[in-house]
Amino acid sequence: MDPKSTIAVITDIKDEEFYKLGTKLGKLKALCTRNQFTLCKKTFLSIQEVGKEENKCSEVVKKLSSFRGHGFKNATVQRSVP
C-alpha cells in the first residue's frame, strides 16, 4: 500500500496563513493552509534538498509511490522558513 502522507518542508509563508511546501521532487504548485499538514519535530528534509520543479501534490505522490499514488491524504511538514 502507498503511504498516507509525504515529507515536505515549509519554504515560504504568504499572508501569515498560506504555506508553500517543498519536497525532494520540487515545490508544490498549490498553497496549503495550516490544517492541511502536521508539523514534525524531526528533520528529514532541508530546504537545500527541495527540487527545482513545481508539481501538483498528486504528481509528487505518484512519483514517490510504489502503487501510483492512491490513498494520499496529507503531508507531514518540517518548519524551515528562511
Protein backbone atom coordinates (compact mmCIF):
# COMPACT_ATOMS: atom_id res chain seq x y z
CA MET A 1 0.00 0.00 0.00
CA ASP A 2 1.03 3.58 -0.59
CA PRO A 3 1.91 5.81 2.36
CA LYS A 4 -0.89 8.15 3.50
CA SER A 5 1.44 11.16 3.66
CA THR A 6 4.63 12.59 2.24
CA ILE A 7 7.54 14.52 3.75
CA ALA A 8 7.74 18.22 2.86
CA VAL A 9 9.37 21.37 4.22
CA ILE A 10 7.84 24.85 4.51
CA THR A 11 9.66 27.07 2.02
CA ASP A 12 7.54 30.22 2.36
CA ILE A 13 4.54 31.69 4.20
CA LYS A 14 2.14 34.03 2.37
CA ASP A 15 -0.16 36.44 4.25
CA GLU A 16 0.58 34.59 7.53
CA GLU A 17 -1.83 31.77 6.62
CA PHE A 18 -0.83 30.14 3.32
CA TYR A 19 2.19 27.85 3.17
CA LYS A 20 4.38 26.95 0.20
CA LEU A 21 5.70 23.41 0.65
CA GLY A 22 8.66 21.70 -0.98
CA THR A 23 9.65 18.05 -1.41
CA LYS A 24 12.70 16.32 -2.86
CA LEU A 25 10.87 16.36 -6.19
CA GLY A 26 10.15 20.10 -6.08
CA LYS A 27 7.77 22.69 -4.69
CA LEU A 28 4.05 22.01 -4.62
CA LYS A 29 2.07 24.25 -7.00
CA ALA A 30 -0.80 24.84 -4.57
CA LEU A 31 -0.54 26.82 -1.35
CA CYS A 32 -1.67 24.97 1.79
CA THR A 33 -3.40 26.13 4.93
CA ARG A 34 -2.16 25.04 8.36
CA ASN A 35 -4.92 22.45 8.81
CA GLN A 36 -3.69 20.55 5.72
CA PHE A 37 -0.45 19.33 7.27
CA THR A 38 1.11 18.12 10.51
CA LEU A 39 4.35 19.60 11.85
CA CYS A 40 7.19 17.19 12.56
CA LYS A 41 9.87 17.85 15.18
CA LYS A 42 12.49 15.66 13.49
CA THR A 43 14.39 16.85 10.41
CA PHE A 44 14.00 14.59 7.39
CA LEU A 45 14.44 17.16 4.61
CA SER A 46 16.24 20.51 4.33
CA ILE A 47 15.30 23.45 2.11
CA GLN A 48 18.52 22.83 0.17
CA GLU A 49 17.19 19.38 -0.81
CA VAL A 50 13.96 20.74 -2.33
CA GLY A 51 13.83 20.10 -6.07
CA LYS A 52 13.64 22.92 -8.63
CA GLU A 53 10.41 21.84 -10.38
CA GLU A 54 6.87 22.81 -9.39
CA ASN A 55 4.48 19.86 -9.21
CA LYS A 56 0.93 19.09 -8.21
CA CYS A 57 0.74 17.18 -4.94
CA SER A 58 -0.78 14.20 -6.73
CA GLU A 59 2.18 14.13 -9.18
CA VAL A 60 4.71 14.11 -6.31
CA VAL A 61 2.89 11.29 -4.52
CA LYS A 62 2.63 9.29 -7.74
CA LYS A 63 6.39 9.64 -8.39
CA LEU A 64 7.26 8.60 -4.82
CA SER A 65 4.75 5.76 -4.81
CA SER A 66 5.05 2.06 -5.45
CA PHE A 67 1.35 1.87 -6.32
CA ARG A 68 0.70 5.04 -8.40
CA GLY A 69 -0.22 7.37 -5.51
CA HIS A 70 -3.64 6.09 -4.49
CA GLY A 71 -4.65 6.83 -0.92
CA PHE A 72 -2.71 10.08 -0.27
CA LYS A 73 -4.34 12.13 2.50
CA ASN A 74 -1.95 14.78 3.85
CA ALA A 75 1.64 15.91 4.34
CA THR A 76 4.00 15.78 7.29
CA VAL A 77 5.95 19.04 7.24
CA GLN A 78 9.05 20.43 8.87
CA ARG A 79 9.13 24.13 9.66
CA SER A 80 12.21 25.60 7.95
CA VAL A 81 11.44 29.11 6.77
CA PRO A 82 14.38 31.22 5.53
